[in-house]
């Protein structure tokens, strides 16, 4: 079972979720620090446009359809605002440079 499935199935206690969140945050912080000091590696990943497009789609591109699947009702203004957030966030991922963390997260 993936972490996502574990969380979606409601089998994750608040204590376990907090522990996982802290550990993921610690890892992300270390990855960010490592990425800041490795310009060559960052340059390699910055040029991988397909990965950026795929990541932006996987993370944001499916957000609206996911909301519809779980039957969350949005009024027109909320939907418009969410579409704007999706577009801006997706574009930020596609445009990002600087660290490995920023490229993939």
PDB file of N, CA and C in Angstrom:
ATOM      1  N   UNK A   1       0.846  -1.179   0.000  1.00  0.00           N
ATOM      2  CA  UNK A   1       0.000   0.000   0.000  1.00  0.00           C
ATOM      3  C   UNK A   1       0.894   1.246   0.000  1.00  0.00           C
ATOM      4  N   UNK A   2       0.555   2.201  -0.827  1.00  0.00           N
ATOM      5  CA  UNK A   2       1.314   3.456  -0.845  1.00  0.00           C
ATOM      6  C   UNK A   2       0.873   4.339   0.319  1.00  0.00           C
ATOM      7  N   UNK A   3       1.683   5.340   0.621  1.00  0.00           N
ATOM      8  CA  UNK A   3       1.323   6.295   1.673  1.00  0.00           C
ATOM      9  C   UNK A   3       0.016   6.994   1.325  1.00  0.00           C
ATOM     10  N   UNK A   4      -0.143   7.350   0.068  1.00  0.00           N
ATOM     11  CA  UNK A   4      -1.369   8.026  -0.365  1.00  0.00           C
ATOM     12  C   UNK A   4      -2.592   7.152  -0.101  1.00  0.00           C
ATOM     13  N   UNK A   5      -2.501   5.883  -0.451  1.00  0.00           N
ATOM     14  CA  UNK A   5      -3.626   4.968  -0.200  1.00  0.00           C
ATOM     15  C   UNK A   5      -3.896   4.846   1.297  1.00  0.00           C
ATOM     16  N   UNK A   6      -2.837   4.744   2.067  1.00  0.00           N
ATOM     17  CA  UNK A   6      -2.946   4.628   3.522  1.00  0.00           C
ATOM     18  C   UNK A   6      -3.715   5.809   4.101  1.00  0.00           C
ATOM     19  N   UNK A   7      -3.364   6.993   3.652  1.00  0.00           N
ATOM     20  CA  UNK A   7      -4.033   8.198   4.141  1.00  0.00           C
ATOM     21  C   UNK A   7      -5.473   8.277   3.645  1.00  0.00           C
ATOM     22  N   UNK A   8      -5.688   7.946   2.360  1.00  0.00           N
ATOM     23  CA  UNK A   8      -7.033   8.035   1.787  1.00  0.00           C
ATOM     24  C   UNK A   8      -7.998   7.044   2.419  1.00  0.00           C
ATOM     25  N   UNK A   9      -7.503   5.919   2.853  1.00  0.00           N
ATOM     26  CA  UNK A   9      -8.369   4.905   3.465  1.00  0.00           C
ATOM     27  C   UNK A   9      -8.726   5.223   4.909  1.00  0.00           C
ATOM     28  N   UNK A  10      -8.148   6.282   5.439  1.00  0.00           N
ATOM     29  CA  UNK A  10      -8.463   6.687   6.802  1.00  0.00           C
ATOM     30  C   UNK A  10      -7.857   5.787   7.854  1.00  0.00           C
ATOM     31  N   UNK A  11      -6.812   5.067   7.512  1.00  0.00           N
ATOM     32  CA  UNK A  11      -6.185   4.149   8.458  1.00  0.00           C
ATOM     33  C   UNK A  11      -5.030   4.794   9.212  1.00  0.00           C
ATOM     34  N   UNK A  12      -4.783   6.039   8.947  1.00  0.00           N
ATOM     35  CA  UNK A  12      -3.649   6.744   9.539  1.00  0.00           C
ATOM     36  C   UNK A  12      -4.141   7.571  10.732  1.00  0.00           C
ATOM     37  N   UNK A  13      -3.599   7.262  11.922  1.00  0.00           N
ATOM     38  CA  UNK A  13      -3.974   8.036  13.104  1.00  0.00           C
ATOM     39  C   UNK A  13      -3.322   9.413  13.032  1.00  0.00           C
ATOM     40  N   UNK A  14      -3.822  10.333  13.833  1.00  0.00           N
ATOM     41  CA  UNK A  14      -3.249  11.677  13.894  1.00  0.00           C
ATOM     42  C   UNK A  14      -1.783  11.607  14.321  1.00  0.00           C
ATOM     43  N   UNK A  15      -1.486  10.756  15.285  1.00  0.00           N
ATOM     44  CA  UNK A  15      -0.111  10.607  15.767  1.00  0.00           C
ATOM     45  C   UNK A  15       0.814  10.099  14.650  1.00  0.00           C
ATOM     46  N   UNK A  16       0.367   9.079  13.932  1.00  0.00           N
ATOM     47  CA  UNK A  16       1.169   8.525  12.846  1.00  0.00           C
ATOM     48  C   UNK A  16       1.311   9.544  11.717  1.00  0.00           C
ATOM     49  N   UNK A  17       0.218  10.228  11.382  1.00  0.00           N
ATOM     50  CA  UNK A  17       0.272  11.249  10.334  1.00  0.00           C
ATOM     51  C   UNK A  17       1.241  12.356  10.684  1.00  0.00           C
ATOM     52  N   UNK A  18       1.251  12.782  11.944  1.00  0.00           N
ATOM     53  CA  UNK A  18       2.182  13.820  12.389  1.00  0.00           C
ATOM     54  C   UNK A  18       3.623  13.339  12.291  1.00  0.00           C
ATOM     55  N   UNK A  19       3.856  12.088  12.665  1.00  0.00           N
ATOM     56  CA  UNK A  19       5.207  11.513  12.601  1.00  0.00           C
ATOM     57  C   UNK A  19       5.684  11.443  11.148  1.00  0.00           C
ATOM     58  N   UNK A  20       4.815  10.968  10.264  1.00  0.00           N
ATOM     59  CA  UNK A  20       5.163  10.885   8.844  1.00  0.00           C
ATOM     60  C   UNK A  20       5.449  12.282   8.296  1.00  0.00           C
ATOM     61  N   UNK A  21       4.577  13.235   8.614  1.00  0.00           N
ATOM     62  CA  UNK A  21       4.764  14.607   8.140  1.00  0.00           C
ATOM     63  C   UNK A  21       6.080  15.206   8.599  1.00  0.00           C
ATOM     64  N   UNK A  22       6.445  14.977   9.850  1.00  0.00           N
ATOM     65  CA  UNK A  22       7.721  15.499  10.361  1.00  0.00           C
ATOM     66  C   UNK A  22       8.892  14.856   9.637  1.00  0.00           C
ATOM     67  N   UNK A  23       8.845  13.561   9.448  1.00  0.00           N
ATOM     68  CA  UNK A  23       9.953  12.878   8.788  1.00  0.00           C
ATOM     69  C   UNK A  23      10.078  13.292   7.324  1.00  0.00           C
ATOM     70  N   UNK A  24       8.954  13.448   6.641  1.00  0.00           N
ATOM     71  CA  UNK A  24       9.000  13.915   5.251  1.00  0.00           C
ATOM     72  C   UNK A  24       9.552  15.336   5.204  1.00  0.00           C
ATOM     73  N   UNK A  25       9.118  16.185   6.129  1.00  0.00           N
ATOM     74  CA  UNK A  25       9.627  17.554   6.195  1.00  0.00           C
ATOM     75  C   UNK A  25      11.124  17.600   6.458  1.00  0.00           C
ATOM     76  N   UNK A  26      11.599  16.743   7.363  1.00  0.00           N
ATOM     77  CA  UNK A  26      13.040  16.673   7.635  1.00  0.00           C
ATOM     78  C   UNK A  26      13.803  16.266   6.377  1.00  0.00           C
ATOM     79  N   UNK A  27      13.285  15.253   5.685  1.00  0.00           N
ATOM     80  CA  UNK A  27      13.924  14.804   4.449  1.00  0.00           C
ATOM     81  C   UNK A  27      13.955  15.920   3.414  1.00  0.00           C
ATOM     82  N   UNK A  28      12.834  16.619   3.264  1.00  0.00           N
ATOM     83  CA  UNK A  28      12.753  17.699   2.277  1.00  0.00           C
ATOM     84  C   UNK A  28      13.752  18.806   2.605  1.00  0.00           C
ATOM     85  N   UNK A  29      13.898  19.112   3.885  1.00  0.00           N
ATOM     86  CA  UNK A  29      14.865  20.128   4.286  1.00  0.00           C
ATOM     87  C   UNK A  29      16.288  19.725   3.940  1.00  0.00           C
ATOM     88  N   UNK A  30      16.615  18.447   4.180  1.00  0.00           N
ATOM     89  CA  UNK A  30      17.953  17.970   3.838  1.00  0.00           C
ATOM     90  C   UNK A  30      18.166  17.971   2.326  1.00  0.00           C
ATOM     91  N   UNK A  31      17.133  17.568   1.578  1.00  0.00           N
ATOM     92  CA  UNK A  31      17.233  17.567   0.122  1.00  0.00           C
ATOM     93  C   UNK A  31      17.429  18.986  -0.400  1.00  0.00           C
ATOM     94  N   UNK A  32      16.708  19.931   0.154  1.00  0.00           N
ATOM     95  CA  UNK A  32      16.853  21.330  -0.244  1.00  0.00           C
ATOM     96  C   UNK A  32      18.282  21.811   0.020  1.00  0.00           C
ATOM     97  N   UNK A  33      18.803  21.513   1.205  1.00  0.00           N
ATOM     98  CA  UNK A  33      20.162  21.919   1.538  1.00  0.00           C
ATOM     99  C   UNK A  33      21.187  21.287   0.607  1.00  0.00           C
ATOM    100  N   UNK A  34      21.002  20.008   0.303  1.00  0.00           N
ATOM    101  CA  UNK A  34      21.906  19.314  -0.614  1.00  0.00           C
ATOM    102  C   UNK A  34      21.817  19.937  -2.004  1.00  0.00           C
ATOM    103  N   UNK A  35      20.611  20.232  -2.465  1.00  0.00           N
ATOM    104  CA  UNK A  35      20.425  20.814  -3.794  1.00  0.00           C
ATOM    105  C   UNK A  35      21.066  22.170  -3.941  1.00  0.00           C
ATOM    106  N   UNK A  36      21.065  22.970  -2.884  1.00  0.00           N
ATOM    107  CA  UNK A  36      21.689  24.296  -2.946  1.00  0.00           C
ATOM    108  C   UNK A  36      23.182  24.215  -3.199  1.00  0.00           C
ATOM    109  N   UNK A  37      23.821  23.126  -2.790  1.00  0.00           N
ATOM    110  CA  UNK A  37      25.256  23.010  -2.942  1.00  0.00           C
ATOM    111  C   UNK A  37      25.699  22.183  -4.138  1.00  0.00           C
ATOM    112  N   UNK A  38      24.790  21.789  -5.016  1.00  0.00           N
ATOM    113  CA  UNK A  38      25.129  20.926  -6.142  1.00  0.00           C
ATOM    114  C   UNK A  38      24.600  21.492  -7.457  1.00  0.00           C
ATOM    115  N   UNK A  39      25.260  22.533  -7.927  1.00  0.00           N
ATOM    116  CA  UNK A  39      24.805  23.233  -9.137  1.00  0.00           C
ATOM    117  C   UNK A  39      24.760  22.322 -10.362  1.00  0.00           C
ATOM    118  N   UNK A  40      25.718  21.406 -10.481  1.00  0.00           N
ATOM    119  CA  UNK A  40      25.740  20.518 -11.652  1.00  0.00           C
ATOM    120  C   UNK A  40      24.506  19.620 -11.691  1.00  0.00           C
ATOM    121  N   UNK A  41      24.174  19.058 -10.547  1.00  0.00           N
ATOM    122  CA  UNK A  41      23.006  18.182 -10.478  1.00  0.00           C
ATOM    123  C   UNK A  41      21.740  18.988 -10.756  1.00  0.00           C
ATOM    124  N   UNK A  42      21.646  20.166 -10.164  1.00  0.00           N
ATOM    125  CA  UNK A  42      20.469  21.010 -10.399  1.00  0.00           C
ATOM    126  C   UNK A  42      20.356  21.386 -11.862  1.00  0.00           C
ATOM    127  N   UNK A  43      21.479  21.685 -12.496  1.00  0.00           N
ATOM    128  CA  UNK A  43      21.457  22.020 -13.915  1.00  0.00           C
ATOM    129  C   UNK A  43      20.927  20.879 -14.755  1.00  0.00           C
ATOM    130  N   UNK A  44      21.312  19.666 -14.411  1.00  0.00           N
ATOM    131  CA  UNK A  44      20.810  18.488 -15.125  1.00  0.00           C
ATOM    132  C   UNK A  44      19.293  18.396 -15.000  1.00  0.00           C
ATOM    133  N   UNK A  45      18.775  18.519 -13.777  1.00  0.00           N
ATOM    134  CA  UNK A  45      17.338  18.395 -13.570  1.00  0.00           C
ATOM    135  C   UNK A  45      16.558  19.592 -14.117  1.00  0.00           C
ATOM    136  N   UNK A  46      17.153  20.766 -14.068  1.00  0.00           N
ATOM    137  CA  UNK A  46      16.468  21.948 -14.595  1.00  0.00           C
ATOM    138  C   UNK A  46      16.167  21.807 -16.076  1.00  0.00           C
ATOM    139  N   UNK A  47      17.012  21.086 -16.807  1.00  0.00           N
ATOM    140  CA  UNK A  47      16.800  20.898 -18.235  1.00  0.00           C
ATOM    141  C   UNK A  47      15.810  19.816 -18.585  1.00  0.00           C
ATOM    142  N   UNK A  48      15.299  19.105 -17.617  1.00  0.00           N
ATOM    143  CA  UNK A  48      14.373  18.013 -17.870  1.00  0.00           C
ATOM    144  C   UNK A  48      12.934  18.547 -17.907  1.00  0.00           C
ATOM    145  N   UNK A  49      12.591  19.141 -19.022  1.00  0.00           N
ATOM    146  CA  UNK A  49      11.280  19.774 -19.157  1.00  0.00           C
ATOM    147  C   UNK A  49      10.130  18.773 -19.060  1.00  0.00           C
ATOM    148  N   UNK A  50      10.337  17.554 -19.600  1.00  0.00           N
ATOM    149  CA  UNK A  50       9.274  16.545 -19.541  1.00  0.00           C
ATOM    150  C   UNK A  50       8.917  16.220 -18.095  1.00  0.00           C
ATOM    151  N   UNK A  51       9.935  16.109 -17.245  1.00  0.00           N
ATOM    152  CA  UNK A  51       9.685  15.805 -15.836  1.00  0.00           C
ATOM    153  C   UNK A  51       8.893  16.923 -15.169  1.00  0.00           C
ATOM    154  N   UNK A  52       9.223  18.162 -15.498  1.00  0.00           N
ATOM    155  CA  UNK A  52       8.498  19.285 -14.917  1.00  0.00           C
ATOM    156  C   UNK A  52       7.033  19.285 -15.350  1.00  0.00           C
ATOM    157  N   UNK A  53       6.797  19.042 -16.640  1.00  0.00           N
ATOM    158  CA  UNK A  53       5.418  19.009 -17.153  1.00  0.00           C
ATOM    159  C   UNK A  53       4.653  17.863 -16.505  1.00  0.00           C
ATOM    160  N   UNK A  54       5.270  16.696 -16.439  1.00  0.00           N
ATOM    161  CA  UNK A  54       4.611  15.536 -15.844  1.00  0.00           C
ATOM    162  C   UNK A  54       4.317  15.777 -14.373  1.00  0.00           C
ATOM    163  N   UNK A  55       5.281  16.322 -13.660  1.00  0.00           N
ATOM    164  CA  UNK A  55       5.068  16.582 -12.245  1.00  0.00           C
ATOM    165  C   UNK A  55       3.959  17.608 -12.035  1.00  0.00           C
ATOM    166  N   UNK A  56       3.941  18.662 -12.826  1.00  0.00           N
ATOM    167  CA  UNK A  56       2.900  19.684 -12.645  1.00  0.00           C
ATOM    168  C   UNK A  56       1.528  19.089 -12.923  1.00  0.00           C
ATOM    169  N   UNK A  57       1.439  18.192 -13.908  1.00  0.00           N
ATOM    170  CA  UNK A  57       0.158  17.534 -14.186  1.00  0.00           C
ATOM    171  C   UNK A  57      -0.230  16.595 -13.043  1.00  0.00           C
ATOM    172  N   UNK A  58       0.721  15.782 -12.582  1.00  0.00           N
ATOM    173  CA  UNK A  58       0.426  14.805 -11.534  1.00  0.00           C
ATOM    174  C   UNK A  58       0.017  15.484 -10.237  1.00  0.00           C
ATOM    175  N   UNK A  59       0.633  16.613  -9.927  1.00  0.00           N
ATOM    176  CA  UNK A  59       0.368  17.265  -8.656  1.00  0.00           C
ATOM    177  C   UNK A  59      -0.819  18.223  -8.725  1.00  0.00           C
ATOM    178  N   UNK A  60      -0.926  18.990  -9.789  1.00  0.00           N
ATOM    179  CA  UNK A  60      -1.988  19.997  -9.885  1.00  0.00           C
ATOM    180  C   UNK A  60      -3.005  19.719 -10.990  1.00  0.00           C
ATOM    181  N   UNK A  61      -2.571  19.127 -12.077  1.00  0.00           N
ATOM    182  CA  UNK A  61      -3.437  18.957 -13.238  1.00  0.00           C
ATOM    183  C   UNK A  61      -4.667  18.119 -12.995  1.00  0.00           C
ATOM    184  N   UNK A  62      -4.622  17.253 -11.996  1.00  0.00           N
ATOM    185  CA  UNK A  62      -5.769  16.392 -11.695  1.00  0.00           C
ATOM    186  C   UNK A  62      -6.589  16.885 -10.521  1.00  0.00           C
ATOM    187  N   UNK A  63      -6.243  18.030  -9.982  1.00  0.00           N
ATOM    188  CA  UNK A  63      -6.912  18.516  -8.774  1.00  0.00           C
ATOM    189  C   UNK A  63      -8.416  18.722  -8.977  1.00  0.00           C
ATOM    190  N   UNK A  64      -8.792  19.386 -10.042  1.00  0.00           N
ATOM    191  CA  UNK A  64     -10.218  19.663 -10.260  1.00  0.00           C
ATOM    192  C   UNK A  64     -11.018  18.381 -10.449  1.00  0.00           C
ATOM    193  N   UNK A  65     -10.489  17.434 -11.227  1.00  0.00           N
ATOM    194  CA  UNK A  65     -11.219  16.182 -11.432  1.00  0.00           C
ATOM    195  C   UNK A  65     -11.301  15.381 -10.136  1.00  0.00           C
ATOM    196  N   UNK A  66     -10.282  15.467  -9.303  1.00  0.00           N
ATOM    197  CA  UNK A  66     -10.312  14.775  -8.010  1.00  0.00           C
ATOM    198  C   UNK A  66     -11.395  15.366  -7.120  1.00  0.00           C
ATOM    199  N   UNK A  67     -11.505  16.674  -7.110  1.00  0.00           N
ATOM    200  CA  UNK A  67     -12.547  17.334  -6.316  1.00  0.00           C
ATOM    201  C   UNK A  67     -13.932  16.914  -6.797  1.00  0.00           C
ATOM    202  N   UNK A  68     -14.098  16.827  -8.102  1.00  0.00           N
ATOM    203  CA  UNK A  68     -15.380  16.382  -8.644  1.00  0.00           C
ATOM    204  C   UNK A  68     -15.674  14.936  -8.274  1.00  0.00           C
ATOM    205  N   UNK A  69     -14.659  14.073  -8.281  1.00  0.00           N
ATOM    206  CA  UNK A  69     -14.844  12.662  -7.948  1.00  0.00           C
ATOM    207  C   UNK A  69     -15.302  12.465  -6.517  1.00  0.00           C
ATOM    208  N   UNK A  70     -14.787  13.269  -5.608  1.00  0.00           N
ATOM    209  CA  UNK A  70     -15.198  13.127  -4.211  1.00  0.00           C
ATOM    210  C   UNK A  70     -16.423  13.987  -3.907  1.00  0.00           C
ATOM    211  N   UNK A  71     -16.990  14.543  -4.956  1.00  0.00           N
ATOM    212  CA  UNK A  71     -18.255  15.273  -4.908  1.00  0.00           C
ATOM    213  C   UNK A  71     -18.244  16.467  -3.960  1.00  0.00           C
ATOM    214  N   UNK A  72     -17.161  17.233  -4.040  1.00  0.00           N
ATOM    215  CA  UNK A  72     -17.111  18.511  -3.329  1.00  0.00           C
ATOM    216  C   UNK A  72     -17.727  19.545  -4.247  1.00  0.00           C
ATOM    217  N   UNK A  73     -18.719  20.221  -3.770  1.00  0.00           N
ATOM    218  CA  UNK A  73     -19.415  21.204  -4.597  1.00  0.00           C
ATOM    219  C   UNK A  73     -18.749  22.564  -4.451  1.00  0.00           C
ATOM    220  N   UNK A  74     -18.421  23.146  -5.585  1.00  0.00           N
ATOM    221  CA  UNK A  74     -17.826  24.476  -5.617  1.00  0.00           C
ATOM    222  C   UNK A  74     -18.756  25.418  -6.362  1.00  0.00           C
ATOM    223  N   UNK A  75     -18.870  26.650  -5.859  1.00  0.00           N
ATOM    224  CA  UNK A  75     -19.623  27.623  -6.640  1.00  0.00           C
ATOM    225  C   UNK A  75     -18.713  28.128  -7.758  1.00  0.00           C
ATOM    226  N   UNK A  76     -19.239  28.914  -8.663  1.00  0.00           N
ATOM    227  CA  UNK A  76     -18.480  29.350  -9.837  1.00  0.00           C
ATOM    228  C   UNK A  76     -17.225  30.143  -9.462  1.00  0.00           C
ATOM    229  N   UNK A  77     -17.320  30.996  -8.455  1.00  0.00           N
ATOM    230  CA  UNK A  77     -16.165  31.781  -8.028  1.00  0.00           C
ATOM    231  C   UNK A  77     -15.081  30.880  -7.441  1.00  0.00           C
ATOM    232  N   UNK A  78     -15.465  29.915  -6.620  1.00  0.00           N
ATOM    233  CA  UNK A  78     -14.490  28.982  -6.044  1.00  0.00           C
ATOM    234  C   UNK A  78     -13.817  28.161  -7.147  1.00  0.00           C
ATOM    235  N   UNK A  79     -14.605  27.717  -8.100  1.00  0.00           N
ATOM    236  CA  UNK A  79     -14.053  26.934  -9.201  1.00  0.00           C
ATOM    237  C   UNK A  79     -13.091  27.782 -10.042  1.00  0.00           C
ATOM    238  N   UNK A  80     -13.472  29.004 -10.334  1.00  0.00           N
ATOM    239  CA  UNK A  80     -12.609  29.905 -11.104  1.00  0.00           C
ATOM    240  C   UNK A  80     -11.308  30.153 -10.363  1.00  0.00           C
ATOM    241  N   UNK A  81     -11.395  30.401  -9.067  1.00  0.00           N
ATOM    242  CA  UNK A  81     -10.196  30.663  -8.259  1.00  0.00           C
ATOM    243  C   UNK A  81      -9.294  29.422  -8.209  1.00  0.00           C
ATOM    244  N   UNK A  82      -9.895  28.263  -8.046  1.00  0.00           N
ATOM    245  CA  UNK A  82      -9.122  27.026  -8.005  1.00  0.00           C
ATOM    246  C   UNK A  82      -8.434  26.771  -9.345  1.00  0.00           C
ATOM    247  N   UNK A  83      -9.127  27.029 -10.444  1.00  0.00           N
ATOM    248  CA  UNK A  83      -8.512  26.883 -11.767  1.00  0.00           C
ATOM    249  C   UNK A  83      -7.317  27.816 -11.909  1.00  0.00           C
ATOM    250  N   UNK A  84      -7.438  29.026 -11.379  1.00  0.00           N
ATOM    251  CA  UNK A  84      -6.346  29.994 -11.415  1.00  0.00           C
ATOM    252  C   UNK A  84      -5.164  29.498 -10.588  1.00  0.00           C
ATOM    253  N   UNK A  85      -5.430  28.963  -9.411  1.00  0.00           N
ATOM    254  CA  UNK A  85      -4.371  28.436  -8.552  1.00  0.00           C
ATOM    255  C   UNK A  85      -3.666  27.270  -9.239  1.00  0.00           C
ATOM    256  N   UNK A  86      -4.449  26.379  -9.861  1.00  0.00           N
ATOM    257  CA  UNK A  86      -3.874  25.238 -10.582  1.00  0.00           C
ATOM    258  C   UNK A  86      -2.951  25.726 -11.688  1.00  0.00           C
ATOM    259  N   UNK A  87      -3.395  26.681 -12.468  1.00  0.00           N
ATOM    260  CA  UNK A  87      -2.582  27.183 -13.577  1.00  0.00           C
ATOM    261  C   UNK A  87      -1.310  27.870 -13.070  1.00  0.00           C
ATOM    262  N   UNK A  88      -1.442  28.730 -12.062  1.00  0.00           N
ATOM    263  CA  UNK A  88      -0.276  29.436 -11.533  1.00  0.00           C
ATOM    264  C   UNK A  88       0.724  28.468 -10.907  1.00  0.00           C
ATOM    265  N   UNK A  89       0.226  27.506 -10.163  1.00  0.00           N
ATOM    266  CA  UNK A  89       1.107  26.540  -9.506  1.00  0.00           C
ATOM    267  C   UNK A  89       1.791  25.634 -10.519  1.00  0.00           C
ATOM    268  N   UNK A  90       1.047  25.193 -11.526  1.00  0.00           N
ATOM    269  CA  UNK A  90       1.627  24.361 -12.579  1.00  0.00           C
ATOM    270  C   UNK A  90       2.711  25.127 -13.328  1.00  0.00           C
ATOM    271  N   UNK A  91       2.440  26.380 -13.629  1.00  0.00           N
ATOM    272  CA  UNK A  91       3.428  27.202 -14.334  1.00  0.00           C
ATOM    273  C   UNK A  91       4.671  27.407 -13.473  1.00  0.00           C
ATOM    274  N   UNK A  92       4.494  27.582 -12.180  1.00  0.00           N
ATOM    275  CA  UNK A  92       5.637  27.748 -11.277  1.00  0.00           C
ATOM    276  C   UNK A  92       6.539  26.522 -11.308  1.00  0.00           C
ATOM    277  N   UNK A  93       5.942  25.340 -11.340  1.00  0.00           N
ATOM    278  CA  UNK A  93       6.733  24.112 -11.412  1.00  0.00           C
ATOM    279  C   UNK A  93       7.490  24.057 -12.728  1.00  0.00           C
ATOM    280  N   UNK A  94       6.825  24.400 -13.812  1.00  0.00           N
ATOM    281  CA  UNK A  94       7.481  24.331 -15.124  1.00  0.00           C
ATOM    282  C   UNK A  94       8.602  25.358 -15.267  1.00  0.00           C
ATOM    283  N   UNK A  95       8.508  26.470 -14.566  1.00  0.00           N
ATOM    284  CA  UNK A  95       9.486  27.555 -14.687  1.00  0.00           C
ATOM    285  C   UNK A  95      10.622  27.494 -13.675  1.00  0.00           C
ATOM    286  N   UNK A  96      10.511  26.664 -12.688  1.00  0.00           N
ATOM    287  CA  UNK A  96      11.436  26.693 -11.553  1.00  0.00           C
ATOM    288  C   UNK A  96      12.861  26.273 -11.935  1.00  0.00           C
ATOM    289  N   UNK A  97      13.811  26.897 -11.280  1.00  0.00           N
ATOM    290  CA  UNK A  97      15.221  26.529 -11.389  1.00  0.00           C
ATOM    291  C   UNK A  97      15.851  26.731 -10.028  1.00  0.00           C
ATOM    292  N   UNK A  98      17.049  26.264  -9.849  1.00  0.00           N
ATOM    293  CA  UNK A  98      17.786  26.588  -8.634  1.00  0.00           C
ATOM    294  C   UNK A  98      18.203  25.424  -7.789  1.00  0.00           C
ATOM    295  N   UNK A  99      17.282  24.563  -7.386  1.00  0.00           N
ATOM    296  CA  UNK A  99      17.655  23.424  -6.555  1.00  0.00           C
ATOM    297  C   UNK A  99      16.861  22.222  -6.993  1.00  0.00           C
ATOM    298  N   UNK A 100      17.380  21.055  -6.647  1.00  0.00           N
ATOM    299  CA  UNK A 100      16.642  19.828  -6.944  1.00  0.00           C
ATOM    300  C   UNK A 100      15.284  19.864  -6.274  1.00  0.00           C
ATOM    301  N   UNK A 101      15.247  20.332  -5.035  1.00  0.00           N
ATOM    302  CA  UNK A 101      13.987  20.402  -4.287  1.00  0.00           C
ATOM    303  C   UNK A 101      12.974  21.267  -5.045  1.00  0.00           C
ATOM    304  N   UNK A 102      13.404  22.411  -5.516  1.00  0.00           N
ATOM    305  CA  UNK A 102      12.479  23.304  -6.208  1.00  0.00           C
ATOM    306  C   UNK A 102      12.012  22.736  -7.534  1.00  0.00           C
ATOM    307  N   UNK A 103      12.851  21.953  -8.161  1.00  0.00           N
ATOM    308  CA  UNK A 103      12.478  21.381  -9.451  1.00  0.00           C
ATOM    309  C   UNK A 103      11.396  20.328  -9.286  1.00  0.00           C
ATOM    310  N   UNK A 104      11.491  19.500  -8.245  1.00  0.00           N
ATOM    311  CA  UNK A 104      10.577  18.381  -8.126  1.00  0.00           C
ATOM    312  C   UNK A 104       9.542  18.534  -7.042  1.00  0.00           C
ATOM    313  N   UNK A 105       9.598  19.524  -6.205  1.00  0.00           N
ATOM    314  CA  UNK A 105       8.650  19.641  -5.128  1.00  0.00           C
ATOM    315  C   UNK A 105       7.992  20.947  -5.215  1.00  0.00           C
TER     316      UNK A 105
END
